[in-house]
Amino acid sequence: MLYKSTRWKRKRENILRRDKYECCNCKRYFKTKEAKTVHHIYFYEDYPALALVNWNLISLCNDCHNKMHNRLTDKPTQLGIEWQTKRKAEFEKLYPPLQTK
């Protein structure tokens, strides 16, 4: 499992350090709150290839992390979708949209 691996523990610590142990979502509203969770913007369960990709990881406080997921459906909430939209360009480099005629 990813979350018990040494690679994840190292990556998690690097991301928290990169974000100065502050919640990236709270910062959007000029608030400072300690981050203890590293969140996959594009969920690990859906995109395991993005598990350790820096642009797909952000530090969050527990409150904001809970606001990113609908825990009943395991789908992103509106806030989670907003963050996915912010990273859409990086995502589409790896997963180009399907071309329709």
PDB file of N, CA and C in Angstrom:
ATOM      1  N   MET A   1       0.840  -1.197   0.000  1.00  0.00           N
ATOM      2  CA  MET A   1       0.000   0.000   0.000  1.00  0.00           C
ATOM      3  C   MET A   1       0.877   1.249   0.000  1.00  0.00           C
ATOM      4  N   LEU A   2       0.470   2.214  -0.772  1.00  0.00           N
ATOM      5  CA  LEU A   2       1.232   3.443  -0.943  1.00  0.00           C
ATOM      6  C   LEU A   2       1.494   4.152   0.382  1.00  0.00           C
ATOM      7  N   TYR A   3       0.475   4.328   1.191  1.00  0.00           N
ATOM      8  CA  TYR A   3       0.593   5.195   2.357  1.00  0.00           C
ATOM      9  C   TYR A   3       1.501   4.645   3.459  1.00  0.00           C
ATOM     10  N   LYS A   4       1.882   3.393   3.349  1.00  0.00           N
ATOM     11  CA  LYS A   4       2.812   2.817   4.322  1.00  0.00           C
ATOM     12  C   LYS A   4       4.235   2.740   3.779  1.00  0.00           C
ATOM     13  N   SER A   5       4.408   3.077   2.518  1.00  0.00           N
ATOM     14  CA  SER A   5       5.719   2.934   1.881  1.00  0.00           C
ATOM     15  C   SER A   5       6.667   4.058   2.294  1.00  0.00           C
ATOM     16  N   THR A   6       7.928   3.764   2.259  1.00  0.00           N
ATOM     17  CA  THR A   6       8.964   4.751   2.555  1.00  0.00           C
ATOM     18  C   THR A   6       8.935   5.876   1.529  1.00  0.00           C
ATOM     19  N   ARG A   7       8.695   5.524   0.264  1.00  0.00           N
ATOM     20  CA  ARG A   7       8.636   6.556  -0.788  1.00  0.00           C
ATOM     21  C   ARG A   7       7.536   7.575  -0.494  1.00  0.00           C
ATOM     22  N   TRP A   8       6.359   7.104  -0.076  1.00  0.00           N
ATOM     23  CA  TRP A   8       5.268   8.028   0.236  1.00  0.00           C
ATOM     24  C   TRP A   8       5.618   8.884   1.453  1.00  0.00           C
ATOM     25  N   LYS A   9       6.155   8.274   2.476  1.00  0.00           N
ATOM     26  CA  LYS A   9       6.488   9.028   3.695  1.00  0.00           C
ATOM     27  C   LYS A   9       7.488  10.135   3.393  1.00  0.00           C
ATOM     28  N   ARG A  10       8.473   9.831   2.540  1.00  0.00           N
ATOM     29  CA  ARG A  10       9.443  10.849   2.133  1.00  0.00           C
ATOM     30  C   ARG A  10       8.787  11.943   1.297  1.00  0.00           C
ATOM     31  N   LYS A  11       7.976  11.530   0.337  1.00  0.00           N
ATOM     32  CA  LYS A  11       7.296  12.493  -0.533  1.00  0.00           C
ATOM     33  C   LYS A  11       6.363  13.379   0.283  1.00  0.00           C
ATOM     34  N   ARG A  12       5.610  12.780   1.187  1.00  0.00           N
ATOM     35  CA  ARG A  12       4.693  13.528   2.047  1.00  0.00           C
ATOM     36  C   ARG A  12       5.449  14.599   2.829  1.00  0.00           C
ATOM     37  N   GLU A  13       6.551  14.223   3.413  1.00  0.00           N
ATOM     38  CA  GLU A  13       7.350  15.179   4.189  1.00  0.00           C
ATOM     39  C   GLU A  13       7.884  16.294   3.285  1.00  0.00           C
ATOM     40  N   ASN A  14       8.334  15.940   2.091  1.00  0.00           N
ATOM     41  CA  ASN A  14       8.834  16.957   1.149  1.00  0.00           C
ATOM     42  C   ASN A  14       7.739  17.938   0.741  1.00  0.00           C
ATOM     43  N   ILE A  15       6.534  17.442   0.534  1.00  0.00           N
ATOM     44  CA  ILE A  15       5.424  18.320   0.140  1.00  0.00           C
ATOM     45  C   ILE A  15       5.035  19.227   1.299  1.00  0.00           C
ATOM     46  N   LEU A  16       4.952  18.685   2.497  1.00  0.00           N
ATOM     47  CA  LEU A  16       4.645  19.525   3.670  1.00  0.00           C
ATOM     48  C   LEU A  16       5.703  20.613   3.830  1.00  0.00           C
ATOM     49  N   ARG A  17       6.960  20.237   3.662  1.00  0.00           N
ATOM     50  CA  ARG A  17       8.053  21.215   3.774  1.00  0.00           C
ATOM     51  C   ARG A  17       7.949  22.258   2.660  1.00  0.00           C
ATOM     52  N   ARG A  18       7.688  21.805   1.430  1.00  0.00           N
ATOM     53  CA  ARG A  18       7.526  22.730   0.296  1.00  0.00           C
ATOM     54  C   ARG A  18       6.450  23.779   0.588  1.00  0.00           C
ATOM     55  N   ASP A  19       5.358  23.336   1.192  1.00  0.00           N
ATOM     56  CA  ASP A  19       4.229  24.222   1.476  1.00  0.00           C
ATOM     57  C   ASP A  19       4.331  24.888   2.850  1.00  0.00           C
ATOM     58  N   LYS A  20       5.503  24.741   3.472  1.00  0.00           N
ATOM     59  CA  LYS A  20       5.789  25.367   4.767  1.00  0.00           C
ATOM     60  C   LYS A  20       4.816  24.933   5.861  1.00  0.00           C
ATOM     61  N   TYR A  21       4.328  23.701   5.758  1.00  0.00           N
ATOM     62  CA  TYR A  21       3.410  23.119   6.742  1.00  0.00           C
ATOM     63  C   TYR A  21       2.145  23.961   6.918  1.00  0.00           C
ATOM     64  N   GLU A  22       1.765  24.662   5.842  1.00  0.00           N
ATOM     65  CA  GLU A  22       0.559  25.492   5.869  1.00  0.00           C
ATOM     66  C   GLU A  22      -0.447  24.960   4.858  1.00  0.00           C
ATOM     67  N   CYS A  23      -1.716  25.058   5.215  1.00  0.00           N
ATOM     68  CA  CYS A  23      -2.794  24.597   4.359  1.00  0.00           C
ATOM     69  C   CYS A  23      -2.877  25.469   3.104  1.00  0.00           C
ATOM     70  N   CYS A  24      -2.745  24.842   1.941  1.00  0.00           N
ATOM     71  CA  CYS A  24      -2.787  25.569   0.663  1.00  0.00           C
ATOM     72  C   CYS A  24      -4.165  26.149   0.384  1.00  0.00           C
ATOM     73  N   ASN A  25      -5.201  25.497   0.846  1.00  0.00           N
ATOM     74  CA  ASN A  25      -6.544  26.022   0.610  1.00  0.00           C
ATOM     75  C   ASN A  25      -6.829  27.211   1.519  1.00  0.00           C
ATOM     76  N   CYS A  26      -6.458  27.143   2.760  1.00  0.00           N
ATOM     77  CA  CYS A  26      -6.659  28.277   3.681  1.00  0.00           C
ATOM     78  C   CYS A  26      -5.894  29.507   3.191  1.00  0.00           C
ATOM     79  N   LYS A  27      -4.710  29.295   2.632  1.00  0.00           N
ATOM     80  CA  LYS A  27      -3.902  30.414   2.121  1.00  0.00           C
ATOM     81  C   LYS A  27      -4.653  31.213   1.065  1.00  0.00           C
ATOM     82  N   ARG A  28      -5.514  30.546   0.295  1.00  0.00           N
ATOM     83  CA  ARG A  28      -6.301  31.238  -0.733  1.00  0.00           C
ATOM     84  C   ARG A  28      -7.172  32.328  -0.119  1.00  0.00           C
ATOM     85  N   TYR A  29      -7.500  32.159   1.154  1.00  0.00           N
ATOM     86  CA  TYR A  29      -8.375  33.108   1.861  1.00  0.00           C
ATOM     87  C   TYR A  29      -7.596  33.909   2.904  1.00  0.00           C
ATOM     88  N   PHE A  30      -6.269  33.953   2.728  1.00  0.00           N
ATOM     89  CA  PHE A  30      -5.376  34.731   3.589  1.00  0.00           C
ATOM     90  C   PHE A  30      -5.448  34.278   5.044  1.00  0.00           C
ATOM     91  N   LYS A  31      -5.659  32.984   5.231  1.00  0.00           N
ATOM     92  CA  LYS A  31      -5.658  32.384   6.571  1.00  0.00           C
ATOM     93  C   LYS A  31      -4.432  31.490   6.673  1.00  0.00           C
ATOM     94  N   THR A  32      -3.937  31.356   7.878  1.00  0.00           N
ATOM     95  CA  THR A  32      -2.818  30.454   8.122  1.00  0.00           C
ATOM     96  C   THR A  32      -3.283  29.363   9.066  1.00  0.00           C
ATOM     97  N   LYS A  33      -3.207  28.131   8.578  1.00  0.00           N
ATOM     98  CA  LYS A  33      -3.591  26.988   9.392  1.00  0.00           C
ATOM     99  C   LYS A  33      -2.597  25.863   9.123  1.00  0.00           C
ATOM    100  N   GLU A  34      -2.222  25.163  10.160  1.00  0.00           N
ATOM    101  CA  GLU A  34      -1.238  24.091  10.016  1.00  0.00           C
ATOM    102  C   GLU A  34      -1.785  22.941   9.175  1.00  0.00           C
ATOM    103  N   ALA A  35      -0.969  22.505   8.232  1.00  0.00           N
ATOM    104  CA  ALA A  35      -1.313  21.364   7.382  1.00  0.00           C
ATOM    105  C   ALA A  35      -0.679  20.107   7.963  1.00  0.00           C
ATOM    106  N   LYS A  36      -1.472  19.051   8.008  1.00  0.00           N
ATOM    107  CA  LYS A  36      -0.965  17.758   8.458  1.00  0.00           C
ATOM    108  C   LYS A  36      -1.219  16.662   7.438  1.00  0.00           C
ATOM    109  N   THR A  37      -1.958  16.995   6.394  1.00  0.00           N
ATOM    110  CA  THR A  37      -2.340  16.011   5.385  1.00  0.00           C
ATOM    111  C   THR A  37      -1.815  16.445   4.027  1.00  0.00           C
ATOM    112  N   VAL A  38      -1.373  15.482   3.244  1.00  0.00           N
ATOM    113  CA  VAL A  38      -1.016  15.746   1.851  1.00  0.00           C
ATOM    114  C   VAL A  38      -2.099  15.093   0.999  1.00  0.00           C
ATOM    115  N   HIS A  39      -2.722  15.912   0.176  1.00  0.00           N
ATOM    116  CA  HIS A  39      -3.893  15.518  -0.612  1.00  0.00           C
ATOM    117  C   HIS A  39      -3.522  15.312  -2.074  1.00  0.00           C
ATOM    118  N   HIS A  40      -4.066  14.262  -2.673  1.00  0.00           N
ATOM    119  CA  HIS A  40      -3.949  14.031  -4.108  1.00  0.00           C
ATOM    120  C   HIS A  40      -5.079  14.792  -4.791  1.00  0.00           C
ATOM    121  N   ILE A  41      -4.744  15.792  -5.581  1.00  0.00           N
ATOM    122  CA  ILE A  41      -5.756  16.599  -6.271  1.00  0.00           C
ATOM    123  C   ILE A  41      -6.564  15.703  -7.206  1.00  0.00           C
ATOM    124  N   TYR A  42      -5.872  14.938  -8.036  1.00  0.00           N
ATOM    125  CA  TYR A  42      -6.527  13.880  -8.801  1.00  0.00           C
ATOM    126  C   TYR A  42      -6.323  12.620  -7.970  1.00  0.00           C
ATOM    127  N   PHE A  43      -7.413  12.080  -7.493  1.00  0.00           N
ATOM    128  CA  PHE A  43      -7.384  11.043  -6.456  1.00  0.00           C
ATOM    129  C   PHE A  43      -6.503   9.855  -6.828  1.00  0.00           C
ATOM    130  N   TYR A  44      -5.758   9.397  -5.862  1.00  0.00           N
ATOM    131  CA  TYR A  44      -4.860   8.256  -6.017  1.00  0.00           C
ATOM    132  C   TYR A  44      -5.612   7.024  -6.518  1.00  0.00           C
ATOM    133  N   GLU A  45      -6.803   6.799  -6.003  1.00  0.00           N
ATOM    134  CA  GLU A  45      -7.573   5.613  -6.390  1.00  0.00           C
ATOM    135  C   GLU A  45      -7.921   5.634  -7.877  1.00  0.00           C
ATOM    136  N   ASP A  46      -8.110   6.828  -8.424  1.00  0.00           N
ATOM    137  CA  ASP A  46      -8.468   6.967  -9.836  1.00  0.00           C
ATOM    138  C   ASP A  46      -7.242   7.078 -10.751  1.00  0.00           C
ATOM    139  N   TYR A  47      -6.169   7.657 -10.231  1.00  0.00           N
ATOM    140  CA  TYR A  47      -4.964   7.926 -11.031  1.00  0.00           C
ATOM    141  C   TYR A  47      -3.706   7.540 -10.249  1.00  0.00           C
ATOM    142  N   PRO A  48      -3.478   6.247 -10.045  1.00  0.00           N
ATOM    143  CA  PRO A  48      -2.308   5.826  -9.268  1.00  0.00           C
ATOM    144  C   PRO A  48      -0.983   6.285  -9.861  1.00  0.00           C
ATOM    145  N   ALA A  49      -0.938   6.528 -11.160  1.00  0.00           N
ATOM    146  CA  ALA A  49       0.311   6.999 -11.787  1.00  0.00           C
ATOM    147  C   ALA A  49       0.698   8.388 -11.283  1.00  0.00           C
ATOM    148  N   LEU A  50      -0.245   9.126 -10.708  1.00  0.00           N
ATOM    149  CA  LEU A  50       0.020  10.477 -10.201  1.00  0.00           C
ATOM    150  C   LEU A  50       0.299  10.490  -8.698  1.00  0.00           C
ATOM    151  N   ALA A  51       0.481   9.331  -8.115  1.00  0.00           N
ATOM    152  CA  ALA A  51       0.617   9.214  -6.659  1.00  0.00           C
ATOM    153  C   ALA A  51       1.753  10.044  -6.080  1.00  0.00           C
ATOM    154  N   LEU A  52       2.860  10.160  -6.800  1.00  0.00           N
ATOM    155  CA  LEU A  52       4.039  10.840  -6.267  1.00  0.00           C
ATOM    156  C   LEU A  52       4.453  12.047  -7.105  1.00  0.00           C
ATOM    157  N   VAL A  53       3.527  12.550  -7.903  1.00  0.00           N
ATOM    158  CA  VAL A  53       3.807  13.679  -8.786  1.00  0.00           C
ATOM    159  C   VAL A  53       3.568  14.981  -8.013  1.00  0.00           C
ATOM    160  N   ASN A  54       4.594  15.815  -7.949  1.00  0.00           N
ATOM    161  CA  ASN A  54       4.539  17.023  -7.109  1.00  0.00           C
ATOM    162  C   ASN A  54       3.341  17.917  -7.386  1.00  0.00           C
ATOM    163  N   TRP A  55       3.035  18.192  -8.654  1.00  0.00           N
ATOM    164  CA  TRP A  55       1.944  19.129  -8.951  1.00  0.00           C
ATOM    165  C   TRP A  55       0.582  18.589  -8.545  1.00  0.00           C
ATOM    166  N   ASN A  56       0.483  17.278  -8.309  1.00  0.00           N
ATOM    167  CA  ASN A  56      -0.784  16.659  -7.915  1.00  0.00           C
ATOM    168  C   ASN A  56      -0.952  16.595  -6.399  1.00  0.00           C
ATOM    169  N   LEU A  57      -0.006  17.113  -5.660  1.00  0.00           N
ATOM    170  CA  LEU A  57      -0.034  17.007  -4.201  1.00  0.00           C
ATOM    171  C   LEU A  57      -0.040  18.381  -3.550  1.00  0.00           C
ATOM    172  N   ILE A  58      -0.932  18.567  -2.574  1.00  0.00           N
ATOM    173  CA  ILE A  58      -0.972  19.811  -1.812  1.00  0.00           C
ATOM    174  C   ILE A  58      -1.146  19.493  -0.331  1.00  0.00           C
ATOM    175  N   SER A  59      -0.634  20.379   0.491  1.00  0.00           N
ATOM    176  CA  SER A  59      -0.767  20.251   1.939  1.00  0.00           C
ATOM    177  C   SER A  59      -2.073  20.896   2.376  1.00  0.00           C
ATOM    178  N   LEU A  60      -2.797  20.188   3.241  1.00  0.00           N
ATOM    179  CA  LEU A  60      -4.079  20.687   3.726  1.00  0.00           C
ATOM    180  C   LEU A  60      -4.239  20.458   5.214  1.00  0.00           C
ATOM    181  N   CYS A  61      -5.024  21.325   5.849  1.00  0.00           N
ATOM    182  CA  CYS A  61      -5.456  21.060   7.219  1.00  0.00           C
ATOM    183  C   CYS A  61      -6.555  19.986   7.134  1.00  0.00           C
ATOM    184  N   ASN A  62      -6.886  19.387   8.249  1.00  0.00           N
ATOM    185  CA  ASN A  62      -7.887  18.319   8.235  1.00  0.00           C
ATOM    186  C   ASN A  62      -9.251  18.817   7.774  1.00  0.00           C
ATOM    187  N   ASP A  63      -9.638  20.026   8.183  1.00  0.00           N
ATOM    188  CA  ASP A  63     -10.940  20.560   7.775  1.00  0.00           C
ATOM    189  C   ASP A  63     -11.027  20.696   6.257  1.00  0.00           C
ATOM    190  N   CYS A  64     -10.009  21.283   5.650  1.00  0.00           N
ATOM    191  CA  CYS A  64     -10.025  21.461   4.191  1.00  0.00           C
ATOM    192  C   CYS A  64      -9.942  20.122   3.469  1.00  0.00           C
ATOM    193  N   HIS A  65      -9.180  19.198   4.025  1.00  0.00           N
ATOM    194  CA  HIS A  65      -9.092  17.890   3.379  1.00  0.00           C
ATOM    195  C   HIS A  65     -10.461  17.228   3.333  1.00  0.00           C
ATOM    196  N   ASN A  66     -11.208  17.336   4.404  1.00  0.00           N
ATOM    197  CA  ASN A  66     -12.551  16.755   4.424  1.00  0.00           C
ATOM    198  C   ASN A  66     -13.494  17.456   3.450  1.00  0.00           C
ATOM    199  N   LYS A  67     -13.219  18.709   3.125  1.00  0.00           N
ATOM    200  CA  LYS A  67     -14.048  19.452   2.172  1.00  0.00           C
ATOM    201  C   LYS A  67     -13.740  19.089   0.722  1.00  0.00           C
ATOM    202  N   MET A  68     -12.663  18.365   0.475  1.00  0.00           N
ATOM    203  CA  MET A  68     -12.270  18.001  -0.888  1.00  0.00           C
ATOM    204  C   MET A  68     -12.985  16.750  -1.386  1.00  0.00           C
ATOM    205  N   HIS A  69     -13.456  15.911  -0.475  1.00  0.00           N
ATOM    206  CA  HIS A  69     -14.034  14.609  -0.812  1.00  0.00           C
ATOM    207  C   HIS A  69     -15.483  14.535  -0.347  1.00  0.00           C
ATOM    208  N   ASN A  70     -16.320  13.913  -1.137  1.00  0.00           N
ATOM    209  CA  ASN A  70     -17.610  13.461  -0.638  1.00  0.00           C
ATOM    210  C   ASN A  70     -17.344  12.067  -0.093  1.00  0.00           C
ATOM    211  N   ARG A  71     -17.365  11.925   1.195  1.00  0.00           N
ATOM    212  CA  ARG A  71     -16.969  10.656   1.815  1.00  0.00           C
ATOM    213  C   ARG A  71     -17.969   9.528   1.545  1.00  0.00           C
ATOM    214  N   LEU A  72     -19.176   9.845   1.148  1.00  0.00           N
ATOM    215  CA  LEU A  72     -20.167   8.811   0.834  1.00  0.00           C
ATOM    216  C   LEU A  72     -19.982   8.263  -0.577  1.00  0.00           C
ATOM    217  N   THR A  73     -19.690   9.144  -1.525  1.00  0.00           N
ATOM    218  CA  THR A  73     -19.550   8.711  -2.923  1.00  0.00           C
ATOM    219  C   THR A  73     -18.100   8.534  -3.350  1.00  0.00           C
ATOM    220  N   ASP A  74     -17.171   9.009  -2.536  1.00  0.00           N
ATOM    221  CA  ASP A  74     -15.739   8.972  -2.852  1.00  0.00           C
ATOM    222  C   ASP A  74     -15.430   9.740  -4.135  1.00  0.00           C
ATOM    223  N   LYS A  75     -16.174  10.807  -4.374  1.00  0.00           N
ATOM    224  CA  LYS A  75     -15.977  11.699  -5.519  1.00  0.00           C
ATOM    225  C   LYS A  75     -15.520  13.056  -5.007  1.00  0.00           C
ATOM    226  N   PRO A  76     -14.877  13.850  -5.871  1.00  0.00           N
ATOM    227  CA  PRO A  76     -14.482  15.195  -5.437  1.00  0.00           C
ATOM    228  C   PRO A  76     -15.710  16.089  -5.244  1.00  0.00           C
ATOM    229  N   THR A  77     -15.632  16.954  -4.266  1.00  0.00           N
ATOM    230  CA  THR A  77     -16.660  17.960  -4.046  1.00  0.00           C
ATOM    231  C   THR A  77     -16.418  19.113  -5.016  1.00  0.00           C
ATOM    232  N   GLN A  78     -17.230  20.145  -4.940  1.00  0.00           N
ATOM    233  CA  GLN A  78     -17.019  21.326  -5.789  1.00  0.00           C
ATOM    234  C   GLN A  78     -15.633  21.913  -5.530  1.00  0.00           C
ATOM    235  N   LEU A  79     -15.221  21.966  -4.270  1.00  0.00           N
ATOM    236  CA  LEU A  79     -13.885  22.474  -3.943  1.00  0.00           C
ATOM    237  C   LEU A  79     -12.804  21.584  -4.557  1.00  0.00           C
ATOM    238  N   GLY A  80     -12.979  20.285  -4.471  1.00  0.00           N
ATOM    239  CA  GLY A  80     -12.021  19.364  -5.082  1.00  0.00           C
ATOM    240  C   GLY A  80     -11.929  19.549  -6.586  1.00  0.00           C
ATOM    241  N   ILE A  81     -13.066  19.801  -7.215  1.00  0.00           N
ATOM    242  CA  ILE A  81     -13.094  20.031  -8.655  1.00  0.00           C
ATOM    243  C   ILE A  81     -12.394  21.349  -8.997  1.00  0.00           C
ATOM    244  N   GLU A  82     -12.556  22.354  -8.147  1.00  0.00           N
ATOM    245  CA  GLU A  82     -11.849  23.629  -8.371  1.00  0.00           C
ATOM    246  C   GLU A  82     -10.344  23.408  -8.416  1.00  0.00           C
ATOM    247  N   TRP A  83      -9.820  22.614  -7.484  1.00  0.00           N
ATOM    248  CA  TRP A  83      -8.379  22.337  -7.461  1.00  0.00           C
ATOM    249  C   TRP A  83      -7.968  21.521  -8.687  1.00  0.00           C
ATOM    250  N   GLN A  84      -8.817  20.587  -9.112  1.00  0.00           N
ATOM    251  CA  GLN A  84      -8.502  19.828 -10.319  1.00  0.00           C
ATOM    252  C   GLN A  84      -8.449  20.751 -11.529  1.00  0.00           C
ATOM    253  N   THR A  85      -9.339  21.704 -11.589  1.00  0.00           N
ATOM    254  CA  THR A  85      -9.353  22.661 -12.693  1.00  0.00           C
ATOM    255  C   THR A  85      -8.073  23.490 -12.707  1.00  0.00           C
ATOM    256  N   LYS A  86      -7.583  23.847 -11.514  1.00  0.00           N
ATOM    257  CA  LYS A  86      -6.336  24.612 -11.429  1.00  0.00           C
ATOM    258  C   LYS A  86      -5.151  23.831 -11.995  1.00  0.00           C
ATOM    259  N   ARG A  87      -5.214  22.513 -11.939  1.00  0.00           N
ATOM    260  CA  ARG A  87      -4.113  21.666 -12.402  1.00  0.00           C
ATOM    261  C   ARG A  87      -4.419  20.976 -13.725  1.00  0.00           C
ATOM    262  N   LYS A  88      -5.456  21.428 -14.411  1.00  0.00           N
ATOM    263  CA  LYS A  88      -5.915  20.773 -15.631  1.00  0.00           C
ATOM    264  C   LYS A  88      -4.835  20.729 -16.716  1.00  0.00           C
ATOM    265  N   ALA A  89      -4.069  21.777 -16.879  1.00  0.00           N
ATOM    266  CA  ALA A  89      -3.041  21.808 -17.930  1.00  0.00           C
ATOM    267  C   ALA A  89      -2.000  20.710 -17.704  1.00  0.00           C
ATOM    268  N   GLU A  90      -1.536  20.566 -16.473  1.00  0.00           N
ATOM    269  CA  GLU A  90      -0.560  19.514 -16.165  1.00  0.00           C
ATOM    270  C   GLU A  90      -1.179  18.132 -16.386  1.00  0.00           C
ATOM    271  N   PHE A  91      -2.428  17.982 -15.944  1.00  0.00           N
ATOM    272  CA  PHE A  91      -3.129  16.714 -16.072  1.00  0.00           C
ATOM    273  C   PHE A  91      -3.269  16.323 -17.542  1.00  0.00           C
ATOM    274  N   GLU A  92      -3.657  17.270 -18.382  1.00  0.00           N
ATOM    275  CA  GLU A  92      -3.900  16.957 -19.788  1.00  0.00           C
ATOM    276  C   GLU A  92      -2.626  16.652 -20.566  1.00  0.00           C
ATOM    277  N   LYS A  93      -1.478  17.015 -20.032  1.00  0.00           N
ATOM    278  CA  LYS A  93      -0.221  16.598 -20.670  1.00  0.00           C
ATOM    279  C   LYS A  93      -0.047  15.089 -20.567  1.00  0.00           C
ATOM    280  N   LEU A  94      -0.546  14.519 -19.472  1.00  0.00           N
ATOM    281  CA  LEU A  94      -0.444  13.070 -19.266  1.00  0.00           C
ATOM    282  C   LEU A  94      -1.678  12.322 -19.753  1.00  0.00           C
ATOM    283  N   TYR A  95      -2.828  12.977 -19.639  1.00  0.00           N
ATOM    284  CA  TYR A  95      -4.105  12.362 -20.023  1.00  0.00           C
ATOM    285  C   TYR A  95      -4.828  13.304 -20.979  1.00  0.00           C
ATOM    286  N   PRO A  96      -4.407  13.340 -22.250  1.00  0.00           N
ATOM    287  CA  PRO A  96      -5.040  14.273 -23.197  1.00  0.00           C
ATOM    288  C   PRO A  96      -6.532  13.964 -23.337  1.00  0.00           C
ATOM    289  N   PRO A  97      -7.333  15.018 -23.536  1.00  0.00           N
ATOM    290  CA  PRO A  97      -8.761  14.781 -23.727  1.00  0.00           C
ATOM    291  C   PRO A  97      -9.010  14.011 -25.012  1.00  0.00           C
ATOM    292  N   LEU A  98     -10.053  13.212 -24.995  1.00  0.00           N
ATOM    293  CA  LEU A  98     -10.399  12.445 -26.191  1.00  0.00           C
ATOM    294  C   LEU A  98     -10.900  13.389 -27.278  1.00  0.00           C
ATOM    295  N   GLN A  99     -10.461  13.149 -28.483  1.00  0.00           N
ATOM    296  CA  GLN A  99     -10.900  13.968 -29.614  1.00  0.00           C
ATOM    297  C   GLN A  99     -12.235  13.433 -30.114  1.00  0.00           C
ATOM    298  N   THR A 100     -13.182  14.313 -30.291  1.00  0.00           N
ATOM    299  CA  THR A 100     -14.471  13.914 -30.836  1.00  0.00           C
ATOM    300  C   THR A 100     -14.647  14.531 -32.217  1.00  0.00           C
ATOM    301  N   LYS A 101     -15.380  13.858 -33.063  1.00  0.00           N
ATOM    302  CA  LYS A 101     -15.595  14.362 -34.427  1.00  0.00           C
ATOM    303  C   LYS A 101     -16.808  15.242 -34.488  1.00  0.00           C
TER     304      LYS A 101
END
